[in-house]
C-alpha cells in the first residue's frame, strides 16, 4: 500500500507550519494518478519522489510536485517536507533532486524528536512590473496605489516557478487580503503564475507574507526563494539572511529562514523545522 506522509514544514515548536504531502515511490506514477492523489490529500502541494537507482547509498531522486489542480514546477515547503521524510528513511544527508526543469538539493537532519531541512533553490531572477501589470494586480485585490510600500516596487519574481510580489504599507492591509477566487485563477493561469505574494516589511530582515494560490486550486501558497532573490536584486540593505513569517492570518504560523550571497541569480538556501501531521 502506498504511504502518504503528511508533514508541516516551517513549524515552530511543533506547531503551525505549511502542510505538504510526501510520497516516496519505487517508480513514478502516471501524471493523472499523482494529480488525483494530490487532490485527495488537499494540501497546497504533494511531492512525489523516486530514487534514481537502486543503490542504497544513492542520494539522487527524481521529484515532481502537484497542487490539488495542477502540476507545479517547484515548491519550497514541500521540498523541506521531503527532506525531513528522506532523513527519517535514509539518515541525515544531502539529497540531490532532479525536478522537471532544474537540479536542486535538500539536506535533512534529525532535530531532537523531529526533523529539520535546508533546501538549495533553483536560480532566481526578477523584473519590475509595468504600470499596467501593477494596475491589474491592485484591481484583483481591491488595493490602491497609496497602500503600496515604495521600498519594494511590484515585481515579477522567479525561483523555479513564476510569481508576482508587491509590498503593503500596513500590516492590517495584509491581514485583510481578499480576492475573487475564480478571477484570480483565470488571471494567474493566463500569466503562468504560481502565486501572487503580498508582503509587509516589519524590519530590514523580518517580513510577513500571504500568497494567493488560486492557480493551484487553493487560496494561499508560498514563494520564499523567489522573494529572497528579488531582495538581493534590489540590493536590499546589506542582509544575507531574512526571516519570513507566513500563514499567521490563517492560524498556521510558519517561520521560514532564507540565506543568500550577493551573486545575482544564484540559488537561495531556505530552511525550517518540520513536524508530522497525525490524522
Protein backbone atom coordinates (compact mmCIF):
# COMPACT_ATOMS: atom_id res chain seq x y z
CA UNK A 1 0.00 0.00 0.00
CA UNK A 2 1.26 3.48 -0.88
CA UNK A 3 2.28 5.51 2.17
CA UNK A 4 1.45 9.21 2.15
CA UNK A 5 3.32 11.22 4.77
CA UNK A 6 1.72 14.45 5.92
CA UNK A 7 4.35 16.92 7.07
CA UNK A 8 4.07 20.50 8.28
CA UNK A 9 7.08 22.48 7.07
CA UNK A 10 8.44 25.63 8.74
CA UNK A 11 6.71 24.83 12.01
CA UNK A 12 7.60 26.45 15.31
CA UNK A 13 7.93 24.28 18.43
CA UNK A 14 5.88 21.54 16.80
CA UNK A 15 3.01 23.86 15.91
CA UNK A 16 1.75 25.67 12.83
CA UNK A 17 3.67 25.46 9.58
CA UNK A 18 2.69 24.82 5.98
CA UNK A 19 1.36 21.28 5.34
CA UNK A 20 2.53 19.13 2.43
CA UNK A 21 2.01 15.56 1.33
CA UNK A 22 5.11 13.44 0.68
CA UNK A 23 5.08 10.17 -1.28
CA UNK A 24 8.21 8.03 -1.78
CA UNK A 25 7.82 5.65 -4.72
CA UNK A 26 9.69 2.80 -6.41
CA UNK A 27 8.64 4.09 -9.84
CA UNK A 28 6.98 7.33 -10.87
CA UNK A 29 3.21 7.13 -11.21
CA UNK A 30 1.20 8.37 -14.21
CA UNK A 31 0.51 12.11 -14.05
CA UNK A 32 -3.23 11.59 -13.71
CA UNK A 33 -2.73 9.31 -10.70
CA UNK A 34 -0.42 11.79 -8.96
CA UNK A 35 -2.85 14.59 -9.67
CA UNK A 36 -5.69 12.60 -8.14
CA UNK A 37 -3.64 11.80 -5.02
CA UNK A 38 -2.74 15.49 -4.59
CA UNK A 39 -6.41 16.42 -4.86
CA UNK A 40 -7.34 13.82 -2.25
CA UNK A 41 -4.60 14.97 0.14
CA UNK A 42 -5.87 18.53 -0.30
CA UNK A 43 -2.73 20.43 0.73
CA UNK A 44 -1.28 23.19 -1.42
CA UNK A 45 1.32 20.70 -2.69
CA UNK A 46 2.08 16.99 -2.56
CA UNK A 47 5.58 15.91 -3.63
CA UNK A 48 6.36 12.57 -5.28
CA UNK A 49 9.93 11.24 -5.21
CA UNK A 50 11.60 8.20 -6.81
CA UNK A 51 15.18 7.11 -6.12
CA UNK A 52 17.04 7.26 -9.45
CA UNK A 53 18.96 4.00 -8.85
CA UNK A 54 18.52 1.02 -6.54
CA UNK A 55 21.89 1.64 -4.87
CA UNK A 56 21.18 2.03 -1.14
CA UNK A 57 23.84 4.76 -0.86
CA UNK A 58 22.46 6.77 -3.77
CA UNK A 59 21.05 10.14 -2.78
CA UNK A 60 19.72 11.14 -6.22
CA UNK A 61 15.94 11.45 -6.50
CA UNK A 62 13.50 12.34 -9.29
CA UNK A 63 10.87 14.70 -7.90
CA UNK A 64 7.53 16.14 -9.06
CA UNK A 65 5.09 18.45 -7.26
CA UNK A 66 1.30 18.64 -7.62
CA UNK A 67 -1.25 21.05 -6.20
CA UNK A 68 -4.89 19.87 -5.99
CA UNK A 69 -5.47 21.04 -9.58
CA UNK A 70 -2.14 21.40 -11.41
CA UNK A 71 1.47 20.28 -11.53
CA UNK A 72 3.86 22.85 -10.03
CA UNK A 73 7.49 23.12 -11.22
CA UNK A 74 8.94 23.79 -7.74
CA UNK A 75 7.62 24.12 -4.20
CA UNK A 76 9.81 25.15 -1.27
CA UNK A 77 7.76 23.94 1.68
CA UNK A 78 7.10 20.56 0.04
CA UNK A 79 10.85 20.21 -0.55
CA UNK A 80 11.50 20.91 3.14
CA UNK A 81 8.90 18.25 4.00
CA UNK A 82 10.57 15.83 1.58
CA UNK A 83 13.97 16.50 3.19
CA UNK A 84 12.55 15.53 6.58
CA UNK A 85 10.99 12.32 5.24
CA UNK A 86 14.20 11.33 3.42
CA UNK A 87 16.28 11.97 6.54
CA UNK A 88 13.96 9.75 8.56
CA UNK A 89 14.07 6.99 5.92
CA UNK A 90 17.75 7.21 4.89
CA UNK A 91 19.53 9.06 7.70
CA UNK A 92 20.94 12.59 7.83
CA UNK A 93 22.22 13.53 4.38
CA UNK A 94 22.12 15.93 1.46
CA UNK A 95 19.81 14.67 -1.28
CA UNK A 96 20.13 15.78 -4.91
CA UNK A 97 16.76 16.33 -6.55
CA UNK A 98 16.00 16.34 -10.26
CA UNK A 99 12.93 18.47 -11.00
CA UNK A 100 11.22 18.89 -14.36
CA UNK A 101 13.34 21.93 -15.22
CA UNK A 102 16.02 22.25 -12.55
CA UNK A 103 18.51 20.46 -10.32
CA UNK A 104 18.34 21.33 -6.61
CA UNK A 105 19.23 19.73 -3.28
CA UNK A 106 17.84 19.40 0.22
CA UNK A 107 19.63 18.44 3.40
CA UNK A 108 17.55 16.68 6.03
CA UNK A 109 18.70 16.09 9.61
CA UNK A 110 17.20 14.77 12.80
CA UNK A 111 16.46 17.54 15.30
CA UNK A 112 15.81 16.01 18.72
CA UNK A 113 12.50 14.17 18.27
CA UNK A 114 11.67 15.85 14.94
CA UNK A 115 13.47 16.82 11.72
CA UNK A 116 14.67 19.97 10.00
CA UNK A 117 15.75 20.61 6.43
CA UNK A 118 17.55 23.15 4.25
CA UNK A 119 16.94 23.37 0.52
CA UNK A 120 19.08 24.97 -2.17
CA UNK A 121 16.66 26.53 -4.64
CA UNK A 122 16.72 26.83 -8.42
CA UNK A 123 18.36 30.02 -9.77
CA UNK A 124 16.43 33.23 -9.21
CA UNK A 125 15.51 36.25 -11.32
CA UNK A 126 13.21 39.25 -11.08
CA UNK A 127 11.96 42.25 -13.04
CA UNK A 128 9.82 45.22 -12.06
CA UNK A 129 6.17 45.11 -13.08
CA UNK A 130 4.81 47.57 -15.61
CA UNK A 131 2.23 50.17 -14.61
CA UNK A 132 -0.38 48.13 -16.47
CA UNK A 133 0.52 44.90 -14.65
CA UNK A 134 0.51 46.70 -11.32
CA UNK A 135 -2.96 48.10 -12.01
CA UNK A 136 -4.26 44.62 -12.80
CA UNK A 137 -2.80 43.27 -9.56
CA UNK A 138 -4.27 46.06 -7.46
CA UNK A 139 -7.69 45.67 -9.09
CA UNK A 140 -7.69 41.93 -8.33
CA UNK A 141 -7.18 42.54 -4.61
CA UNK A 142 -9.01 45.85 -4.31
CA UNK A 143 -5.96 47.83 -3.17
CA UNK A 144 -4.98 51.35 -4.21
CA UNK A 145 -1.50 52.56 -5.14
CA UNK A 146 -1.45 54.60 -1.93
CA UNK A 147 -1.42 51.32 0.03
CA UNK A 148 1.82 50.13 -1.62
CA UNK A 149 5.17 50.37 0.16
CA UNK A 150 7.55 52.14 -2.27
CA UNK A 151 10.60 50.41 -0.76
CA UNK A 152 9.73 47.25 -2.70
CA UNK A 153 8.05 48.04 -6.02
CA UNK A 154 5.74 45.40 -7.57
CA UNK A 155 7.74 42.81 -9.49
CA UNK A 156 7.73 39.52 -11.34
CA UNK A 157 9.91 37.06 -9.39
CA UNK A 158 11.18 33.58 -10.20
CA UNK A 159 12.87 30.63 -8.48
CA UNK A 160 11.84 27.50 -10.35
CA UNK A 161 8.34 28.97 -10.76
CA UNK A 162 6.87 32.36 -11.64
CA UNK A 163 5.22 34.70 -9.12
CA UNK A 164 4.31 38.34 -8.68
CA UNK A 165 5.02 40.26 -5.48
CA UNK A 166 4.02 43.61 -4.03
CA UNK A 167 4.56 45.16 -0.61
CA UNK A 168 1.94 46.88 1.53
CA UNK A 169 2.50 49.82 3.88
CA UNK A 170 0.28 48.49 6.69
CA UNK A 171 0.09 45.15 8.46
CA UNK A 172 -3.71 45.32 8.62
CA UNK A 173 -3.95 45.59 4.83
CA UNK A 174 -2.07 42.30 4.57
CA UNK A 175 -4.28 40.73 7.24
CA UNK A 176 -7.40 41.65 5.28
CA UNK A 177 -6.22 40.26 1.94
CA UNK A 178 -9.16 39.12 -0.16
CA UNK A 179 -9.72 38.37 -3.84
CA UNK A 180 -12.24 36.70 -6.12
CA UNK A 181 -11.04 33.10 -6.40
CA UNK A 182 -12.24 32.38 -9.94
CA UNK A 183 -10.99 35.72 -11.24
CA UNK A 184 -7.65 35.13 -9.52
CA UNK A 185 -7.34 31.63 -11.01
CA UNK A 186 -8.01 32.91 -14.54
CA UNK A 187 -5.56 35.79 -14.05
CA UNK A 188 -2.73 33.60 -12.71
CA UNK A 189 -3.15 30.85 -15.26
CA UNK A 190 -3.25 33.34 -18.13
CA UNK A 191 0.09 34.79 -16.99
CA UNK A 192 1.62 31.44 -15.95
CA UNK A 193 1.87 32.46 -12.29
CA UNK A 194 2.01 30.03 -9.39
CA UNK A 195 1.26 32.63 -6.69
CA UNK A 196 0.86 36.35 -6.13
CA UNK A 197 2.79 37.26 -2.99
CA UNK A 198 1.86 40.14 -0.69
CA UNK A 199 4.35 41.24 1.96
CA UNK A 200 4.58 43.65 4.87
CA UNK A 201 8.03 44.81 5.99
CA UNK A 202 8.44 44.56 9.75
CA UNK A 203 12.18 45.33 9.58
CA UNK A 204 15.09 45.01 7.17
CA UNK A 205 15.34 41.30 7.98
CA UNK A 206 11.79 40.30 9.00
CA UNK A 207 8.84 40.12 6.60
CA UNK A 208 5.24 38.92 6.84
CA UNK A 209 3.59 37.43 3.77
CA UNK A 210 0.46 35.96 2.24
CA UNK A 211 0.38 34.25 -1.17
CA UNK A 212 -2.69 33.98 -3.38
CA UNK A 213 -2.61 30.50 -4.96
CA UNK A 214 -5.84 30.20 -6.94
CA UNK A 215 -3.82 28.83 -9.87
CA UNK A 216 -3.30 25.63 -7.88
CA UNK A 217 -6.85 25.40 -6.59
CA UNK A 218 -6.28 26.87 -3.09
CA UNK A 219 -6.48 30.33 -1.57
CA UNK A 220 -2.81 30.53 -0.45
CA UNK A 221 0.68 29.14 -1.21
CA UNK A 222 4.31 30.37 -0.86
CA UNK A 223 7.28 31.92 -2.74
CA UNK A 224 10.16 32.46 -0.29
CA UNK A 225 13.12 31.66 -2.55
CA UNK A 226 11.87 33.88 -5.39
CA UNK A 227 11.21 36.72 -2.95
CA UNK A 228 14.70 36.42 -1.43
CA UNK A 229 16.21 36.64 -4.91
CA UNK A 230 14.20 39.79 -5.53
CA UNK A 231 15.55 41.38 -2.33
CA UNK A 232 19.07 40.64 -3.49
CA UNK A 233 18.36 42.08 -6.95
CA UNK A 234 17.07 45.25 -5.28
CA UNK A 235 20.28 45.46 -3.21
CA UNK A 236 18.16 45.42 -0.07
CA UNK A 237 20.16 46.82 2.89
CA UNK A 238 23.13 44.50 3.40
CA UNK A 239 21.25 41.44 4.53
CA UNK A 240 22.45 37.94 3.74
CA UNK A 241 19.52 36.37 5.56
CA UNK A 242 15.87 37.07 6.27
CA UNK A 243 13.04 35.60 8.30
CA UNK A 244 9.65 35.31 6.64
CA UNK A 245 6.54 34.86 8.79
CA UNK A 246 3.74 33.31 6.81
CA UNK A 247 0.31 31.84 7.46
CA UNK A 248 -0.23 33.77 10.70
CA UNK A 249 -3.51 35.19 9.47
CA UNK A 250 -4.71 31.67 8.62
CA UNK A 251 -3.95 30.31 12.09
CA UNK A 252 -0.93 28.28 10.88
CA UNK A 253 2.12 30.43 11.56
CA UNK A 254 5.23 29.45 9.58
CA UNK A 255 8.78 30.56 10.38
CA UNK A 256 10.96 30.50 7.26
CA UNK A 257 14.66 31.35 7.22
CA UNK A 258 16.38 32.24 3.94
CA UNK A 259 20.08 32.86 3.34
CA UNK A 260 21.78 34.14 0.19
CA UNK A 261 25.03 35.54 -1.16
CA UNK A 262 25.42 38.64 -3.32
CA UNK A 263 25.78 36.78 -6.64
CA UNK A 264 22.83 37.84 -8.78
CA UNK A 265 20.75 34.86 -9.92
CA UNK A 266 22.36 32.30 -7.62
CA UNK A 267 20.38 29.84 -5.51
CA UNK A 268 18.76 30.67 -2.17
CA UNK A 269 19.10 28.46 0.91
CA UNK A 270 15.76 28.09 2.68
CA UNK A 271 15.49 26.24 5.98
CA UNK A 272 12.94 25.28 8.59
CA UNK A 273 11.77 22.70 11.09
CA UNK A 274 9.03 20.18 10.49
CA UNK A 275 6.55 18.02 12.34
CA UNK A 276 4.32 15.14 11.32
CA UNK A 277 0.60 15.71 10.94
CA UNK A 278 -1.33 12.91 12.60
CA UNK A 279 -4.71 12.04 11.09
